[in-house]
Amino acid sequence: MRNITISLDDETAAWARRLAAERDTSVSRLVADLLAEKRRSGEAYQAAKRQFFARTLRPLSRPGDRYPTREELYDRPVLRRR
């Protein structure tokens, strides 16, 4: 573990102390846990993004295939102009 020093405004520092007390932990552990969770969620997002863009794209090329209409996509009735 590394020790670092951070600066917080008074209101944020008071909030962090209250939250740490509610969770029965120290402000240091609270910040470490929050940063670790942020890192994990960022890594998970990047992995999901890589997986999505690694897919093979397939055009609608079979006979009878078509793109849905806007109304079908949004389940809206067709409005007819007069």
N, C-alpha and C. Protein backbone atom coordinates (compact mmCIF):
# COMPACT_ATOMS: atom_id res chain seq x y z
N MET A 1 0.85 -1.19 0.00
CA MET A 1 0.00 0.00 0.00
C MET A 1 0.88 1.24 0.00
N ARG A 2 0.41 2.23 -0.73
CA ARG A 2 1.08 3.53 -0.77
C ARG A 2 0.26 4.55 -0.01
N ASN A 3 0.92 5.44 0.66
CA ASN A 3 0.25 6.56 1.31
C ASN A 3 0.30 7.76 0.38
N ILE A 4 -0.84 8.42 0.22
CA ILE A 4 -0.89 9.66 -0.57
C ILE A 4 -1.63 10.70 0.25
N THR A 5 -1.44 11.94 -0.11
CA THR A 5 -2.12 13.04 0.55
C THR A 5 -3.05 13.69 -0.45
N ILE A 6 -4.30 13.91 -0.04
CA ILE A 6 -5.24 14.61 -0.90
C ILE A 6 -5.77 15.83 -0.17
N SER A 7 -6.22 16.81 -0.91
CA SER A 7 -6.81 18.01 -0.33
C SER A 7 -8.28 18.06 -0.69
N LEU A 8 -9.12 18.31 0.30
CA LEU A 8 -10.56 18.40 0.10
C LEU A 8 -11.06 19.70 0.70
N ASP A 9 -12.12 20.24 0.10
CA ASP A 9 -12.74 21.40 0.73
C ASP A 9 -13.43 20.92 2.01
N ASP A 10 -13.73 21.85 2.90
CA ASP A 10 -14.27 21.51 4.22
C ASP A 10 -15.57 20.70 4.12
N GLU A 11 -16.45 21.07 3.23
CA GLU A 11 -17.74 20.39 3.10
C GLU A 11 -17.55 18.94 2.64
N THR A 12 -16.67 18.72 1.67
CA THR A 12 -16.42 17.37 1.17
C THR A 12 -15.72 16.53 2.23
N ALA A 13 -14.81 17.12 2.97
CA ALA A 13 -14.11 16.39 4.03
C ALA A 13 -15.09 15.96 5.11
N ALA A 14 -16.02 16.84 5.47
CA ALA A 14 -17.02 16.50 6.49
C ALA A 14 -17.92 15.38 5.99
N TRP A 15 -18.32 15.46 4.72
CA TRP A 15 -19.15 14.41 4.13
C TRP A 15 -18.41 13.07 4.14
N ALA A 16 -17.13 13.09 3.78
CA ALA A 16 -16.33 11.86 3.75
C ALA A 16 -16.20 11.26 5.14
N ARG A 17 -16.02 12.09 6.15
CA ARG A 17 -15.92 11.59 7.52
C ARG A 17 -17.24 10.96 7.97
N ARG A 18 -18.37 11.61 7.63
CA ARG A 18 -19.68 11.04 7.99
C ARG A 18 -19.91 9.70 7.29
N LEU A 19 -19.63 9.66 5.98
CA LEU A 19 -19.83 8.43 5.22
C LEU A 19 -18.94 7.30 5.74
N ALA A 20 -17.70 7.62 6.05
CA ALA A 20 -16.78 6.61 6.60
C ALA A 20 -17.31 6.09 7.94
N ALA A 21 -17.81 6.99 8.77
CA ALA A 21 -18.34 6.58 10.08
C ALA A 21 -19.56 5.68 9.89
N GLU A 22 -20.44 6.02 8.92
CA GLU A 22 -21.62 5.19 8.65
C GLU A 22 -21.21 3.79 8.21
N ARG A 23 -20.11 3.71 7.50
CA ARG A 23 -19.64 2.41 6.99
C ARG A 23 -18.64 1.74 7.93
N ASP A 24 -18.44 2.36 9.08
CA ASP A 24 -17.53 1.83 10.09
C ASP A 24 -16.13 1.59 9.52
N THR A 25 -15.60 2.60 8.85
CA THR A 25 -14.26 2.51 8.26
C THR A 25 -13.58 3.87 8.36
N SER A 26 -12.38 3.95 7.90
CA SER A 26 -11.65 5.23 7.91
C SER A 26 -11.87 5.95 6.59
N VAL A 27 -11.59 7.24 6.59
CA VAL A 27 -11.69 8.02 5.35
C VAL A 27 -10.68 7.47 4.34
N SER A 28 -9.51 7.09 4.80
CA SER A 28 -8.50 6.53 3.92
C SER A 28 -9.02 5.27 3.23
N ARG A 29 -9.61 4.35 4.00
CA ARG A 29 -10.15 3.10 3.42
C ARG A 29 -11.32 3.42 2.50
N LEU A 30 -12.17 4.38 2.88
CA LEU A 30 -13.30 4.78 2.05
C LEU A 30 -12.83 5.26 0.69
N VAL A 31 -11.85 6.15 0.67
CA VAL A 31 -11.32 6.68 -0.59
C VAL A 31 -10.67 5.56 -1.40
N ALA A 32 -9.92 4.70 -0.75
CA ALA A 32 -9.28 3.58 -1.46
C ALA A 32 -10.32 2.67 -2.09
N ASP A 33 -11.39 2.36 -1.35
CA ASP A 33 -12.45 1.50 -1.89
C ASP A 33 -13.18 2.17 -3.05
N LEU A 34 -13.48 3.46 -2.92
CA LEU A 34 -14.17 4.18 -3.99
C LEU A 34 -13.32 4.23 -5.26
N LEU A 35 -12.03 4.48 -5.10
CA LEU A 35 -11.14 4.54 -6.27
C LEU A 35 -10.97 3.16 -6.90
N ALA A 36 -10.87 2.12 -6.08
CA ALA A 36 -10.74 0.76 -6.61
C ALA A 36 -12.00 0.37 -7.39
N GLU A 37 -13.17 0.72 -6.88
CA GLU A 37 -14.43 0.42 -7.58
C GLU A 37 -14.51 1.19 -8.90
N LYS A 38 -14.09 2.44 -8.88
CA LYS A 38 -14.08 3.24 -10.11
C LYS A 38 -13.16 2.60 -11.15
N ARG A 39 -12.00 2.13 -10.73
CA ARG A 39 -11.05 1.47 -11.64
C ARG A 39 -11.67 0.20 -12.21
N ARG A 40 -12.27 -0.62 -11.35
CA ARG A 40 -12.88 -1.88 -11.81
C ARG A 40 -14.00 -1.63 -12.80
N SER A 41 -14.86 -0.67 -12.51
CA SER A 41 -15.98 -0.40 -13.42
C SER A 41 -15.48 0.15 -14.74
N GLY A 42 -14.42 0.95 -14.71
CA GLY A 42 -13.84 1.45 -15.95
C GLY A 42 -13.23 0.34 -16.78
N GLU A 43 -12.57 -0.60 -16.12
CA GLU A 43 -11.98 -1.74 -16.83
C GLU A 43 -13.07 -2.62 -17.41
N ALA A 44 -14.16 -2.82 -16.68
CA ALA A 44 -15.28 -3.64 -17.18
C ALA A 44 -15.93 -2.97 -18.38
N TYR A 45 -16.08 -1.65 -18.33
CA TYR A 45 -16.66 -0.92 -19.46
C TYR A 45 -15.78 -1.06 -20.69
N GLN A 46 -14.47 -0.89 -20.52
CA GLN A 46 -13.56 -1.01 -21.65
C GLN A 46 -13.58 -2.42 -22.24
N ALA A 47 -13.65 -3.44 -21.39
CA ALA A 47 -13.72 -4.82 -21.88
C ALA A 47 -15.01 -5.05 -22.67
N ALA A 48 -16.12 -4.54 -22.18
CA ALA A 48 -17.40 -4.70 -22.88
C ALA A 48 -17.36 -3.96 -24.22
N LYS A 49 -16.75 -2.80 -24.23
CA LYS A 49 -16.64 -2.02 -25.47
C LYS A 49 -15.79 -2.76 -26.49
N ARG A 50 -14.66 -3.32 -26.04
CA ARG A 50 -13.81 -4.09 -26.96
C ARG A 50 -14.55 -5.29 -27.52
N GLN A 51 -15.29 -5.98 -26.66
CA GLN A 51 -16.05 -7.16 -27.09
C GLN A 51 -17.12 -6.76 -28.11
N PHE A 52 -17.80 -5.66 -27.87
CA PHE A 52 -18.84 -5.21 -28.79
C PHE A 52 -18.25 -4.89 -30.17
N PHE A 53 -17.16 -4.14 -30.20
CA PHE A 53 -16.59 -3.74 -31.48
C PHE A 53 -15.81 -4.86 -32.17
N ALA A 54 -15.57 -5.96 -31.48
CA ALA A 54 -14.89 -7.10 -32.09
C ALA A 54 -15.87 -7.99 -32.85
N ARG A 55 -17.17 -7.74 -32.71
CA ARG A 55 -18.17 -8.55 -33.39
C ARG A 55 -18.03 -8.42 -34.91
N THR A 56 -18.42 -9.46 -35.58
CA THR A 56 -18.47 -9.41 -37.03
C THR A 56 -19.81 -8.81 -37.43
N LEU A 57 -19.76 -7.76 -38.21
CA LEU A 57 -20.99 -7.12 -38.65
C LEU A 57 -21.59 -7.89 -39.81
N ARG A 58 -22.89 -8.04 -39.79
CA ARG A 58 -23.57 -8.76 -40.86
C ARG A 58 -24.63 -7.85 -41.45
N PRO A 59 -24.56 -7.59 -42.75
CA PRO A 59 -25.61 -6.78 -43.36
C PRO A 59 -26.89 -7.60 -43.53
N LEU A 60 -28.00 -6.92 -43.66
CA LEU A 60 -29.26 -7.59 -43.94
C LEU A 60 -29.27 -7.91 -45.43
N SER A 61 -28.82 -9.10 -45.77
CA SER A 61 -28.64 -9.41 -47.18
C SER A 61 -29.48 -10.57 -47.67
N ARG A 62 -30.19 -11.24 -46.79
CA ARG A 62 -31.01 -12.36 -47.23
C ARG A 62 -32.27 -11.81 -47.90
N PRO A 63 -32.82 -12.54 -48.86
CA PRO A 63 -34.05 -12.10 -49.51
C PRO A 63 -35.16 -11.90 -48.47
N GLY A 64 -35.86 -10.82 -48.59
CA GLY A 64 -36.96 -10.54 -47.67
C GLY A 64 -36.55 -9.78 -46.42
N ASP A 65 -35.25 -9.70 -46.13
CA ASP A 65 -34.80 -8.94 -44.96
C ASP A 65 -34.93 -7.45 -45.26
N ARG A 66 -35.30 -6.71 -44.26
CA ARG A 66 -35.41 -5.26 -44.41
C ARG A 66 -35.17 -4.61 -43.05
N TYR A 67 -34.84 -3.35 -43.10
CA TYR A 67 -34.71 -2.62 -41.85
C TYR A 67 -36.10 -2.25 -41.35
N PRO A 68 -36.30 -2.23 -40.04
CA PRO A 68 -37.62 -1.86 -39.54
C PRO A 68 -37.90 -0.39 -39.81
N THR A 69 -39.17 -0.07 -39.89
CA THR A 69 -39.56 1.32 -40.07
C THR A 69 -39.44 2.05 -38.73
N ARG A 70 -39.48 3.34 -38.80
CA ARG A 70 -39.41 4.13 -37.57
C ARG A 70 -40.58 3.79 -36.65
N GLU A 71 -41.76 3.64 -37.22
CA GLU A 71 -42.94 3.34 -36.43
C GLU A 71 -42.80 1.98 -35.74
N GLU A 72 -42.22 1.01 -36.45
CA GLU A 72 -42.00 -0.30 -35.83
C GLU A 72 -41.00 -0.22 -34.69
N LEU A 73 -39.97 0.59 -34.88
CA LEU A 73 -38.96 0.73 -33.83
C LEU A 73 -39.52 1.36 -32.57
N TYR A 74 -40.33 2.38 -32.76
CA TYR A 74 -40.82 3.14 -31.62
C TYR A 74 -42.26 2.82 -31.27
N ASP A 75 -42.84 1.81 -31.93
CA ASP A 75 -44.20 1.37 -31.66
C ASP A 75 -45.17 2.54 -31.71
N ARG A 76 -45.02 3.34 -32.76
CA ARG A 76 -45.88 4.49 -32.95
C ARG A 76 -46.86 4.22 -34.09
N PRO A 77 -48.05 4.73 -33.98
CA PRO A 77 -48.95 4.59 -35.12
C PRO A 77 -48.49 5.49 -36.27
N VAL A 78 -48.81 5.09 -37.47
CA VAL A 78 -48.45 5.88 -38.65
C VAL A 78 -49.36 7.09 -38.69
N LEU A 79 -48.78 8.28 -38.77
CA LEU A 79 -49.55 9.51 -38.89
C LEU A 79 -49.63 9.87 -40.36
N ARG A 80 -50.82 10.03 -40.85
CA ARG A 80 -51.01 10.34 -42.27
C ARG A 80 -51.24 11.84 -42.42
N ARG A 81 -50.53 12.42 -43.38
CA ARG A 81 -50.73 13.84 -43.68
C ARG A 81 -51.89 13.99 -44.65
N ARG A 82 -52.61 15.05 -44.51
CA ARG A 82 -53.75 15.31 -45.41
C ARG A 82 -53.32 16.13 -46.58
